[in-house]
Amino acid sequence: MKELENGNYDVFVPTYYDTTFLPFLNGTPFVLVVYDMIHELYPELEQGSDIIHNKKQLIERAHQIIAISENTKQDILRFYPHIAENKIQVVYLSSTLEDKELGDHFLNQLTDGKEYILFVGNRSFYKNFTWFLKSVSTWLTKNNMLLLCLGGGSFSQTEKDLIKSLNLTHLVKQYTFRDNELYFFYNRARLFVFPSDYEGFGIPVLEAMASGCPVILPRKSSFPEVAGDAGIYYDFDDSISLLGAIDSVCFQPELRNSFIQKGLAQAKKFSWEKTISACVDVFKVTASDK
């Protein structure tokens, strides 16, 4: 904490919701980055109460707040309506994936030569994986299509039991990828489905679009901001709507290609250069208040 006490800086930016730095600022302004309001929306999450308590303190005391989407900004105002709206600046994130060619032999070994649709990342309850799996189970069997789950850890016993009960053991696989492999999997997939109930931003949406992979997702939370008209939207928690979206993209080549092109164009609207520039602007404004 010596660096903090010395005060030889113009603005302080904490990396998460830790309040231990507050007594050491001595009037130096700080900028808080709020990524989402997951814990406020799902207070049953582990250690959620501590994070909510700390985040509230920081939101109230921050000189400026960066929200990573307009949806996150509105969520902050919904939970803390006493916060001045002009104190919150929206700065979008971006994504960067390496284009590493893994080869058809590698892919065929993993997928048994089947075409596949993707689920990427954490499968915890608000990510809606169980609902999604049940919704597509018959479709996967009918079309002999693989569901490839990237990341999120190995399947739990509960997930294994569910997959077995749906007779999908041969059609649902999990693979723990390396970062430089992700572009390859997006690029070779028929489509990517992101059935999450809530995301502060949703970097996998950008990753998929930038990799030439059609994106199917519900029209809620931050998704319309990120995907724009490049997203193929379905009605949340509506299996029929989801399957209709999947069918239309999977089996209509012209439509699928049009969404790939829209996705590539949409992804170009986001860059880390824009993110950095916007953050620096906020930092400069905040520092001028010192």
C-alpha atoms as a PDB file:
ATOM      1  CA  MET A   1       0.000   0.000   0.000  1.00  0.00           C
ATOM      2  CA  LYS A   2       3.053   2.310   0.077  1.00  0.00           C
ATOM      3  CA  GLU A   3       2.448   3.368  -3.527  1.00  0.00           C
ATOM      4  CA  LEU A   4      -1.102   4.304  -2.635  1.00  0.00           C
ATOM      5  CA  GLU A   5      -0.038   6.271   0.433  1.00  0.00           C
ATOM      6  CA  ASN A   6       2.608   8.164  -1.550  1.00  0.00           C
ATOM      7  CA  GLY A   7      -0.129   9.521  -3.785  1.00  0.00           C
ATOM      8  CA  ASN A   8       2.168   9.854  -6.774  1.00  0.00           C
ATOM      9  CA  TYR A   9      -0.591   9.216  -9.308  1.00  0.00           C
ATOM     10  CA  ASP A  10      -3.502  11.105 -10.794  1.00  0.00           C
ATOM     11  CA  VAL A  11      -6.196   8.453 -10.818  1.00  0.00           C
ATOM     12  CA  PHE A  12      -6.585   4.985  -9.332  1.00  0.00           C
ATOM     13  CA  VAL A  13      -8.324   2.059 -11.085  1.00  0.00           C
ATOM     14  CA  PRO A  14      -9.034  -1.032  -8.951  1.00  0.00           C
ATOM     15  CA  THR A  15      -9.171  -4.348 -10.774  1.00  0.00           C
ATOM     16  CA  TYR A  16     -12.152  -5.740  -8.861  1.00  0.00           C
ATOM     17  CA  TYR A  17     -14.481  -5.015  -5.965  1.00  0.00           C
ATOM     18  CA  ASP A  18     -11.927  -4.883  -3.171  1.00  0.00           C
ATOM     19  CA  THR A  19     -12.422  -1.932  -0.822  1.00  0.00           C
ATOM     20  CA  THR A  20      -9.120  -2.133   1.078  1.00  0.00           C
ATOM     21  CA  PHE A  21      -7.592   0.679  -0.989  1.00  0.00           C
ATOM     22  CA  LEU A  22     -10.180   3.293   0.013  1.00  0.00           C
ATOM     23  CA  PRO A  23      -8.493   4.613   3.204  1.00  0.00           C
ATOM     24  CA  PHE A  24      -5.229   5.159   1.319  1.00  0.00           C
ATOM     25  CA  LEU A  25      -6.443   7.362  -1.518  1.00  0.00           C
ATOM     26  CA  ASN A  26      -6.240  10.650   0.413  1.00  0.00           C
ATOM     27  CA  GLY A  27      -8.612  12.359  -1.969  1.00  0.00           C
ATOM     28  CA  THR A  28      -7.201  10.926  -5.203  1.00  0.00           C
ATOM     29  CA  PRO A  29     -10.113  10.099  -7.536  1.00  0.00           C
ATOM     30  CA  PHE A  30     -10.730   6.546  -8.690  1.00  0.00           C
ATOM     31  CA  VAL A  31     -12.524   4.930 -11.614  1.00  0.00           C
ATOM     32  CA  LEU A  32     -14.496   1.731 -11.095  1.00  0.00           C
ATOM     33  CA  VAL A  33     -15.083  -0.754 -13.914  1.00  0.00           C
ATOM     34  CA  VAL A  34     -18.383  -2.656 -13.551  1.00  0.00           C
ATOM     35  CA  TYR A  35     -18.553  -5.719 -15.773  1.00  0.00           C
ATOM     36  CA  ASP A  36     -22.025  -6.922 -14.878  1.00  0.00           C
ATOM     37  CA  MET A  37     -24.581  -7.113 -12.072  1.00  0.00           C
ATOM     38  CA  ILE A  38     -24.574 -10.908 -11.862  1.00  0.00           C
ATOM     39  CA  HIS A  39     -24.364 -11.072  -8.061  1.00  0.00           C
ATOM     40  CA  GLU A  40     -27.168  -8.568  -7.603  1.00  0.00           C
ATOM     41  CA  LEU A  41     -29.371 -10.523  -9.996  1.00  0.00           C
ATOM     42  CA  TYR A  42     -28.356 -13.889  -8.532  1.00  0.00           C
ATOM     43  CA  PRO A  43     -27.625 -13.246  -4.830  1.00  0.00           C
ATOM     44  CA  GLU A  44     -27.516 -16.989  -4.192  1.00  0.00           C
ATOM     45  CA  LEU A  45     -24.113 -17.171  -5.896  1.00  0.00           C
ATOM     46  CA  GLU A  46     -21.223 -18.166  -3.643  1.00  0.00           C
ATOM     47  CA  GLN A  47     -19.721 -15.146  -1.832  1.00  0.00           C
ATOM     48  CA  GLY A  48     -22.324 -13.009  -3.567  1.00  0.00           C
ATOM     49  CA  SER A  49     -23.245 -10.990  -0.471  1.00  0.00           C
ATOM     50  CA  ASP A  50     -19.642  -9.845   0.098  1.00  0.00           C
ATOM     51  CA  ILE A  51     -19.255  -8.778  -3.511  1.00  0.00           C
ATOM     52  CA  ILE A  52     -22.598  -6.952  -3.492  1.00  0.00           C
ATOM     53  CA  HIS A  53     -21.654  -5.094  -0.295  1.00  0.00           C
ATOM     54  CA  ASN A  54     -18.225  -4.071  -1.587  1.00  0.00           C
ATOM     55  CA  LYS A  55     -19.471  -3.161  -5.036  1.00  0.00           C
ATOM     56  CA  LYS A  56     -22.150  -0.894  -3.590  1.00  0.00           C
ATOM     57  CA  GLN A  57     -19.534   1.016  -1.587  1.00  0.00           C
ATOM     58  CA  LEU A  58     -17.316   1.443  -4.617  1.00  0.00           C
ATOM     59  CA  ILE A  59     -20.148   2.439  -6.950  1.00  0.00           C
ATOM     60  CA  GLU A  60     -21.256   5.123  -4.509  1.00  0.00           C
ATOM     61  CA  ARG A  61     -17.752   6.489  -3.884  1.00  0.00           C
ATOM     62  CA  ALA A  62     -16.221   6.237  -7.364  1.00  0.00           C
ATOM     63  CA  HIS A  63     -15.659   9.494  -9.216  1.00  0.00           C
ATOM     64  CA  GLN A  64     -16.452   7.803 -12.520  1.00  0.00           C
ATOM     65  CA  ILE A  65     -17.773   4.364 -13.456  1.00  0.00           C
ATOM     66  CA  ILE A  66     -17.048   2.465 -16.650  1.00  0.00           C
ATOM     67  CA  ALA A  67     -19.817   0.025 -17.637  1.00  0.00           C
ATOM     68  CA  ILE A  68     -18.966  -2.459 -20.377  1.00  0.00           C
ATOM     69  CA  SER A  69     -22.389  -2.174 -22.029  1.00  0.00           C
ATOM     70  CA  GLU A  70     -25.429   0.069 -21.985  1.00  0.00           C
ATOM     71  CA  ASN A  71     -27.299  -2.860 -20.468  1.00  0.00           C
ATOM     72  CA  THR A  72     -24.852  -2.986 -17.557  1.00  0.00           C
ATOM     73  CA  LYS A  73     -25.198   0.773 -17.104  1.00  0.00           C
ATOM     74  CA  GLN A  74     -28.981   0.479 -16.901  1.00  0.00           C
ATOM     75  CA  ASP A  75     -28.650  -2.414 -14.442  1.00  0.00           C
ATOM     76  CA  ILE A  76     -26.448  -0.258 -12.196  1.00  0.00           C
ATOM     77  CA  LEU A  77     -29.086   2.479 -12.261  1.00  0.00           C
ATOM     78  CA  ARG A  78     -31.842  -0.034 -11.588  1.00  0.00           C
ATOM     79  CA  PHE A  79     -30.167  -1.362  -8.446  1.00  0.00           C
ATOM     80  CA  TYR A  80     -28.757   1.999  -7.368  1.00  0.00           C
ATOM     81  CA  PRO A  81     -31.111   4.684  -8.724  1.00  0.00           C
ATOM     82  CA  HIS A  82     -29.481   7.348  -6.544  1.00  0.00           C
ATOM     83  CA  ILE A  83     -26.313   7.187  -8.679  1.00  0.00           C
ATOM     84  CA  ALA A  84     -26.018  10.048 -11.176  1.00  0.00           C
ATOM     85  CA  GLU A  85     -26.381   8.710 -14.703  1.00  0.00           C
ATOM     86  CA  ASN A  86     -23.650  11.018 -16.058  1.00  0.00           C
ATOM     87  CA  LYS A  87     -21.201   9.352 -13.679  1.00  0.00           C
ATOM     88  CA  ILE A  88     -21.404   6.129 -15.740  1.00  0.00           C
ATOM     89  CA  GLN A  89     -19.635   5.887 -19.088  1.00  0.00           C
ATOM     90  CA  VAL A  90     -20.163   2.955 -21.455  1.00  0.00           C
ATOM     91  CA  VAL A  91     -16.964   1.473 -22.881  1.00  0.00           C
ATOM     92  CA  TYR A  92     -17.312  -1.683 -24.952  1.00  0.00           C
ATOM     93  CA  LEU A  93     -14.866  -4.565 -24.797  1.00  0.00           C
ATOM     94  CA  SER A  94     -13.422  -6.406 -27.783  1.00  0.00           C
ATOM     95  CA  SER A  95     -11.837  -9.765 -28.591  1.00  0.00           C
ATOM     96  CA  THR A  96      -8.697 -11.081 -30.209  1.00  0.00           C
ATOM     97  CA  LEU A  97      -8.294 -14.654 -31.417  1.00  0.00           C
ATOM     98  CA  GLU A  98      -5.335 -16.277 -33.104  1.00  0.00           C
ATOM     99  CA  ASP A  99      -5.990 -18.100 -36.355  1.00  0.00           C
ATOM    100  CA  LYS A 100      -4.272 -21.425 -35.676  1.00  0.00           C
ATOM    101  CA  GLU A 101      -4.943 -24.236 -38.140  1.00  0.00           C
ATOM    102  CA  LEU A 102      -5.301 -27.470 -36.189  1.00  0.00           C
ATOM    103  CA  GLY A 103      -6.065 -29.626 -39.209  1.00  0.00           C
ATOM    104  CA  ASP A 104      -8.838 -31.958 -40.298  1.00  0.00           C
ATOM    105  CA  HIS A 105      -7.226 -35.010 -38.718  1.00  0.00           C
ATOM    106  CA  PHE A 106      -7.308 -33.421 -35.265  1.00  0.00           C
ATOM    107  CA  LEU A 107     -10.887 -32.254 -35.730  1.00  0.00           C
ATOM    108  CA  ASN A 108     -12.125 -35.596 -37.053  1.00  0.00           C
ATOM    109  CA  GLN A 109     -10.606 -37.409 -34.085  1.00  0.00           C
ATOM    110  CA  LEU A 110     -12.423 -35.111 -31.703  1.00  0.00           C
ATOM    111  CA  THR A 111     -15.767 -35.013 -33.505  1.00  0.00           C
ATOM    112  CA  ASP A 112     -15.788 -38.503 -35.057  1.00  0.00           C
ATOM    113  CA  GLY A 113     -16.118 -36.761 -38.410  1.00  0.00           C
ATOM    114  CA  LYS A 114     -19.481 -35.212 -37.497  1.00  0.00           C
ATOM    115  CA  GLU A 115     -20.504 -31.630 -38.050  1.00  0.00           C
ATOM    116  CA  TYR A 116     -21.024 -29.788 -34.806  1.00  0.00           C
ATOM    117  CA  ILE A 117     -22.665 -26.864 -33.074  1.00  0.00           C
ATOM    118  CA  LEU A 118     -20.892 -25.048 -30.265  1.00  0.00           C
ATOM    119  CA  PHE A 119     -21.516 -24.175 -26.641  1.00  0.00           C
ATOM    120  CA  VAL A 120     -18.625 -22.188 -25.165  1.00  0.00           C
ATOM    121  CA  GLY A 121     -17.615 -21.511 -21.570  1.00  0.00           C
ATOM    122  CA  ASN A 122     -19.173 -21.869 -18.158  1.00  0.00           C
ATOM    123  CA  ARG A 123     -22.302 -24.021 -17.904  1.00  0.00           C
ATOM    124  CA  SER A 124     -23.513 -22.690 -14.518  1.00  0.00           C
ATOM    125  CA  PHE A 125     -27.207 -22.204 -13.948  1.00  0.00           C
ATOM    126  CA  TYR A 126     -27.772 -18.751 -15.460  1.00  0.00           C
ATOM    127  CA  LYS A 127     -25.924 -19.903 -18.570  1.00  0.00           C
ATOM    128  CA  ASN A 128     -28.974 -22.122 -19.277  1.00  0.00           C
ATOM    129  CA  PHE A 129     -27.011 -25.158 -20.435  1.00  0.00           C
ATOM    130  CA  THR A 130     -29.408 -27.763 -19.031  1.00  0.00           C
ATOM    131  CA  TRP A 131     -32.395 -26.142 -20.720  1.00  0.00           C
ATOM    132  CA  PHE A 132     -30.414 -25.822 -23.943  1.00  0.00           C
ATOM    133  CA  LEU A 133     -29.302 -29.457 -23.910  1.00  0.00           C
ATOM    134  CA  LYS A 134     -32.824 -30.721 -23.338  1.00  0.00           C
ATOM    135  CA  SER A 135     -34.132 -28.418 -26.075  1.00  0.00           C
ATOM    136  CA  VAL A 136     -31.711 -29.685 -28.746  1.00  0.00           C
ATOM    137  CA  SER A 137     -31.530 -33.338 -27.702  1.00  0.00           C
ATOM    138  CA  THR A 138     -33.991 -34.672 -30.277  1.00  0.00           C
ATOM    139  CA  TRP A 139     -32.623 -32.335 -32.958  1.00  0.00           C
ATOM    140  CA  LEU A 140     -29.070 -33.607 -32.417  1.00  0.00           C
ATOM    141  CA  THR A 141     -30.201 -37.222 -32.749  1.00  0.00           C
ATOM    142  CA  LYS A 142     -32.339 -36.543 -35.799  1.00  0.00           C
ATOM    143  CA  ASN A 143     -29.532 -34.747 -37.639  1.00  0.00           C
ATOM    144  CA  ASN A 144     -26.640 -36.822 -36.265  1.00  0.00           C
ATOM    145  CA  MET A 145     -25.042 -33.527 -35.225  1.00  0.00           C
ATOM    146  CA  LEU A 146     -22.490 -33.163 -32.447  1.00  0.00           C
ATOM    147  CA  LEU A 147     -22.782 -30.649 -29.622  1.00  0.00           C
ATOM    148  CA  LEU A 148     -19.242 -29.629 -28.737  1.00  0.00           C
ATOM    149  CA  CYS A 149     -18.866 -27.890 -25.370  1.00  0.00           C
ATOM    150  CA  LEU A 150     -15.655 -25.906 -25.201  1.00  0.00           C
ATOM    151  CA  GLY A 151     -14.208 -25.033 -21.791  1.00  0.00           C
ATOM    152  CA  GLY A 152     -16.262 -24.870 -18.635  1.00  0.00           C
ATOM    153  CA  GLY A 153     -14.486 -27.856 -17.099  1.00  0.00           C
ATOM    154  CA  SER A 154     -15.275 -31.541 -17.503  1.00  0.00           C
ATOM    155  CA  PHE A 155     -18.900 -32.599 -17.274  1.00  0.00           C
ATOM    156  CA  SER A 156     -20.148 -33.055 -13.731  1.00  0.00           C
ATOM    157  CA  GLN A 157     -21.751 -36.325 -12.738  1.00  0.00           C
ATOM    158  CA  THR A 158     -25.152 -34.630 -12.905  1.00  0.00           C
ATOM    159  CA  GLU A 159     -24.428 -33.503 -16.461  1.00  0.00           C
ATOM    160  CA  LYS A 160     -23.168 -36.963 -17.424  1.00  0.00           C
ATOM    161  CA  ASP A 161     -26.355 -38.522 -16.037  1.00  0.00           C
ATOM    162  CA  LEU A 162     -28.501 -36.072 -17.993  1.00  0.00           C
ATOM    163  CA  ILE A 163     -26.587 -36.687 -21.223  1.00  0.00           C
ATOM    164  CA  LYS A 164     -26.964 -40.445 -20.735  1.00  0.00           C
ATOM    165  CA  SER A 165     -30.682 -40.165 -19.980  1.00  0.00           C
ATOM    166  CA  LEU A 166     -31.148 -38.263 -23.254  1.00  0.00           C
ATOM    167  CA  ASN A 167     -29.206 -40.944 -25.174  1.00  0.00           C
ATOM    168  CA  LEU A 168     -26.647 -38.353 -26.238  1.00  0.00           C
ATOM    169  CA  THR A 169     -23.414 -39.861 -24.945  1.00  0.00           C
ATOM    170  CA  HIS A 170     -22.097 -40.176 -28.509  1.00  0.00           C
ATOM    171  CA  LEU A 171     -23.319 -36.729 -29.565  1.00  0.00           C
ATOM    172  CA  VAL A 172     -22.243 -34.424 -26.709  1.00  0.00           C
ATOM    173  CA  LYS A 173     -18.564 -33.859 -25.990  1.00  0.00           C
ATOM    174  CA  GLN A 174     -16.511 -31.521 -23.835  1.00  0.00           C
ATOM    175  CA  TYR A 175     -13.078 -30.248 -24.799  1.00  0.00           C
ATOM    176  CA  THR A 176     -10.757 -28.029 -22.762  1.00  0.00           C
ATOM    177  CA  PHE A 177      -9.218 -25.820 -25.398  1.00  0.00           C
ATOM    178  CA  ARG A 178      -6.107 -23.695 -25.481  1.00  0.00           C
ATOM    179  CA  ASP A 179      -6.656 -20.015 -26.265  1.00  0.00           C
ATOM    180  CA  ASN A 180      -4.996 -20.269 -29.655  1.00  0.00           C
ATOM    181  CA  GLU A 181      -7.362 -23.092 -30.682  1.00  0.00           C
ATOM    182  CA  LEU A 182     -10.611 -21.208 -30.198  1.00  0.00           C
ATOM    183  CA  TYR A 183     -10.759 -19.484 -33.604  1.00  0.00           C
ATOM    184  CA  PHE A 184     -10.426 -22.847 -35.333  1.00  0.00           C
ATOM    185  CA  PHE A 185     -13.400 -24.339 -33.468  1.00  0.00           C
ATOM    186  CA  TYR A 186     -15.633 -21.336 -34.109  1.00  0.00           C
ATOM    187  CA  ASN A 187     -14.642 -21.216 -37.760  1.00  0.00           C
ATOM    188  CA  ARG A 188     -15.422 -24.895 -38.392  1.00  0.00           C
ATOM    189  CA  ALA A 189     -18.714 -24.968 -36.447  1.00  0.00           C
ATOM    190  CA  ARG A 190     -22.093 -24.904 -38.124  1.00  0.00           C
ATOM    191  CA  LEU A 191     -23.170 -22.337 -35.549  1.00  0.00           C
ATOM    192  CA  PHE A 192     -22.653 -21.119 -31.996  1.00  0.00           C
ATOM    193  CA  VAL A 193     -25.513 -20.947 -29.492  1.00  0.00           C
ATOM    194  CA  PHE A 194     -25.265 -18.673 -26.447  1.00  0.00           C
ATOM    195  CA  PRO A 195     -28.444 -19.336 -24.416  1.00  0.00           C
ATOM    196  CA  SER A 196     -27.326 -17.349 -21.358  1.00  0.00           C
ATOM    197  CA  ASP A 197     -29.904 -15.582 -19.227  1.00  0.00           C
ATOM    198  CA  TYR A 198     -27.581 -12.643 -18.632  1.00  0.00           C
ATOM    199  CA  GLU A 199     -24.216 -11.279 -19.756  1.00  0.00           C
ATOM    200  CA  GLY A 200     -22.557  -7.992 -18.948  1.00  0.00           C
ATOM    201  CA  PHE A 201     -21.120  -7.970 -22.465  1.00  0.00           C
ATOM    202  CA  GLY A 202     -20.657 -11.448 -23.930  1.00  0.00           C
ATOM    203  CA  ILE A 203     -17.195 -11.701 -25.492  1.00  0.00           C
ATOM    204  CA  PRO A 204     -17.954 -15.151 -27.018  1.00  0.00           C
ATOM    205  CA  VAL A 205     -20.498 -13.420 -29.275  1.00  0.00           C
ATOM    206  CA  LEU A 206     -17.740 -11.227 -30.722  1.00  0.00           C
ATOM    207  CA  GLU A 207     -15.339 -14.155 -30.911  1.00  0.00           C
ATOM    208  CA  ALA A 208     -17.776 -16.220 -32.941  1.00  0.00           C
ATOM    209  CA  MET A 209     -18.689 -13.418 -35.338  1.00  0.00           C
ATOM    210  CA  ALA A 210     -15.036 -12.488 -35.917  1.00  0.00           C
ATOM    211  CA  SER A 211     -14.316 -16.160 -36.657  1.00  0.00           C
ATOM    212  CA  GLY A 212     -17.000 -16.478 -39.306  1.00  0.00           C
ATOM    213  CA  CYS A 213     -19.454 -18.447 -37.157  1.00  0.00           C
ATOM    214  CA  PRO A 214     -23.196 -17.659 -37.083  1.00  0.00           C
ATOM    215  CA  VAL A 215     -24.468 -16.735 -33.611  1.00  0.00           C
ATOM    216  CA  ILE A 216     -27.819 -17.796 -32.168  1.00  0.00           C
ATOM    217  CA  LEU A 217     -28.861 -16.068 -28.949  1.00  0.00           C
ATOM    218  CA  PRO A 218     -31.830 -14.658 -27.037  1.00  0.00           C
ATOM    219  CA  ARG A 219     -32.793 -11.030 -27.523  1.00  0.00           C
ATOM    220  CA  LYS A 220     -32.024  -9.923 -23.985  1.00  0.00           C
ATOM    221  CA  SER A 221     -29.370  -8.389 -21.707  1.00  0.00           C
ATOM    222  CA  SER A 222     -26.406  -7.005 -23.681  1.00  0.00           C
ATOM    223  CA  PHE A 223     -26.745  -9.284 -26.697  1.00  0.00           C
ATOM    224  CA  PRO A 224     -28.479  -6.877 -29.117  1.00  0.00           C
ATOM    225  CA  GLU A 225     -25.776  -4.275 -28.411  1.00  0.00           C
ATOM    226  CA  VAL A 226     -22.980  -6.669 -29.276  1.00  0.00           C
ATOM    227  CA  ALA A 227     -24.504  -8.747 -32.077  1.00  0.00           C
ATOM    228  CA  GLY A 228     -26.676  -6.075 -33.686  1.00  0.00           C
ATOM    229  CA  ASP A 229     -28.440  -7.340 -36.814  1.00  0.00           C
ATOM    230  CA  ALA A 230     -25.799 -10.079 -37.172  1.00  0.00           C
ATOM    231  CA  GLY A 231     -27.386 -12.121 -34.408  1.00  0.00           C
ATOM    232  CA  ILE A 232     -30.002 -14.788 -35.060  1.00  0.00           C
ATOM    233  CA  TYR A 233     -32.384 -14.234 -32.173  1.00  0.00           C
ATOM    234  CA  TYR A 234     -34.873 -16.563 -30.527  1.00  0.00           C
ATOM    235  CA  ASP A 235     -37.434 -16.061 -27.780  1.00  0.00           C
ATOM    236  CA  PHE A 236     -35.785 -16.727 -24.442  1.00  0.00           C
ATOM    237  CA  ASP A 237     -36.608 -20.118 -22.892  1.00  0.00           C
ATOM    238  CA  ASP A 238     -38.722 -21.008 -25.939  1.00  0.00           C
ATOM    239  CA  SER A 239     -37.448 -24.329 -27.331  1.00  0.00           C
ATOM    240  CA  ILE A 240     -39.532 -24.121 -30.502  1.00  0.00           C
ATOM    241  CA  SER A 241     -38.171 -20.667 -31.269  1.00  0.00           C
ATOM    242  CA  LEU A 242     -34.604 -21.863 -30.599  1.00  0.00           C
ATOM    243  CA  LEU A 243     -34.931 -24.907 -32.856  1.00  0.00           C
ATOM    244  CA  GLY A 244     -36.452 -22.790 -35.614  1.00  0.00           C
ATOM    245  CA  ALA A 245     -33.438 -20.473 -35.487  1.00  0.00           C
ATOM    246  CA  ILE A 246     -31.019 -23.397 -35.523  1.00  0.00           C
ATOM    247  CA  ASP A 247     -32.780 -25.073 -38.452  1.00  0.00           C
ATOM    248  CA  SER A 248     -32.873 -21.886 -40.522  1.00  0.00           C
ATOM    249  CA  VAL A 249     -29.151 -21.257 -40.156  1.00  0.00           C
ATOM    250  CA  CYS A 250     -27.975 -24.855 -40.384  1.00  0.00           C
ATOM    251  CA  PHE A 251     -29.828 -25.868 -43.508  1.00  0.00           C
ATOM    252  CA  GLN A 252     -30.165 -22.703 -45.593  1.00  0.00           C
ATOM    253  CA  PRO A 253     -26.678 -22.040 -47.027  1.00  0.00           C
ATOM    254  CA  GLU A 254     -27.453 -18.582 -48.431  1.00  0.00           C
ATOM    255  CA  LEU A 255     -28.981 -17.416 -45.170  1.00  0.00           C
ATOM    256  CA  ARG A 256     -26.118 -18.875 -43.166  1.00  0.00           C
ATOM    257  CA  ASN A 257     -23.557 -17.131 -45.358  1.00  0.00           C
ATOM    258  CA  SER A 258     -25.397 -13.824 -45.096  1.00  0.00           C
ATOM    259  CA  PHE A 259     -25.215 -13.982 -41.288  1.00  0.00           C
ATOM    260  CA  ILE A 260     -21.534 -14.923 -41.447  1.00  0.00           C
ATOM    261  CA  GLN A 261     -20.869 -11.795 -43.515  1.00  0.00           C
ATOM    262  CA  LYS A 262     -22.987  -9.649 -41.189  1.00  0.00           C
ATOM    263  CA  GLY A 263     -21.097 -11.062 -38.225  1.00  0.00           C
ATOM    264  CA  LEU A 264     -17.701 -10.299 -39.724  1.00  0.00           C
ATOM    265  CA  ALA A 265     -18.809  -6.709 -40.374  1.00  0.00           C
ATOM    266  CA  GLN A 266     -20.322  -6.322 -36.906  1.00  0.00           C
ATOM    267  CA  ALA A 267     -17.194  -7.635 -35.177  1.00  0.00           C
ATOM    268  CA  LYS A 268     -15.088  -4.971 -36.909  1.00  0.00           C
ATOM    269  CA  LYS A 269     -17.010  -2.289 -35.001  1.00  0.00           C
ATOM    270  CA  PHE A 270     -15.211  -3.385 -31.830  1.00  0.00           C
ATOM    271  CA  SER A 271     -11.476  -3.168 -31.167  1.00  0.00           C
ATOM    272  CA  TRP A 272      -9.137  -3.034 -28.211  1.00  0.00           C
ATOM    273  CA  GLU A 273      -7.795   0.244 -29.622  1.00  0.00           C
ATOM    274  CA  LYS A 274     -11.263   1.782 -29.239  1.00  0.00           C
ATOM    275  CA  THR A 275     -11.597   0.301 -25.756  1.00  0.00           C
ATOM    276  CA  ILE A 276      -8.233   1.676 -24.630  1.00  0.00           C
ATOM    277  CA  SER A 277      -8.892   5.102 -26.127  1.00  0.00           C
ATOM    278  CA  ALA A 278     -12.292   5.396 -24.448  1.00  0.00           C
ATOM    279  CA  CYS A 279     -10.873   4.278 -21.079  1.00  0.00           C
ATOM    280  CA  VAL A 280      -8.033   6.790 -21.307  1.00  0.00           C
ATOM    281  CA  ASP A 281     -10.569   9.558 -22.001  1.00  0.00           C
ATOM    282  CA  VAL A 282     -12.435   8.630 -18.814  1.00  0.00           C
ATOM    283  CA  PHE A 283      -9.185   8.506 -16.839  1.00  0.00           C
ATOM    284  CA  LYS A 284      -8.163  11.963 -18.106  1.00  0.00           C
ATOM    285  CA  VAL A 285     -11.494  13.510 -17.157  1.00  0.00           C
ATOM    286  CA  THR A 286     -11.331  11.894 -13.733  1.00  0.00           C
ATOM    287  CA  ALA A 287      -7.723  12.984 -13.138  1.00  0.00           C
ATOM    288  CA  SER A 288      -8.652  16.582 -13.934  1.00  0.00           C
ATOM    289  CA  ASP A 289     -10.963  16.514 -10.893  1.00  0.00           C
ATOM    290  CA  LYS A 290      -8.046  15.855  -8.548  1.00  0.00           C
END
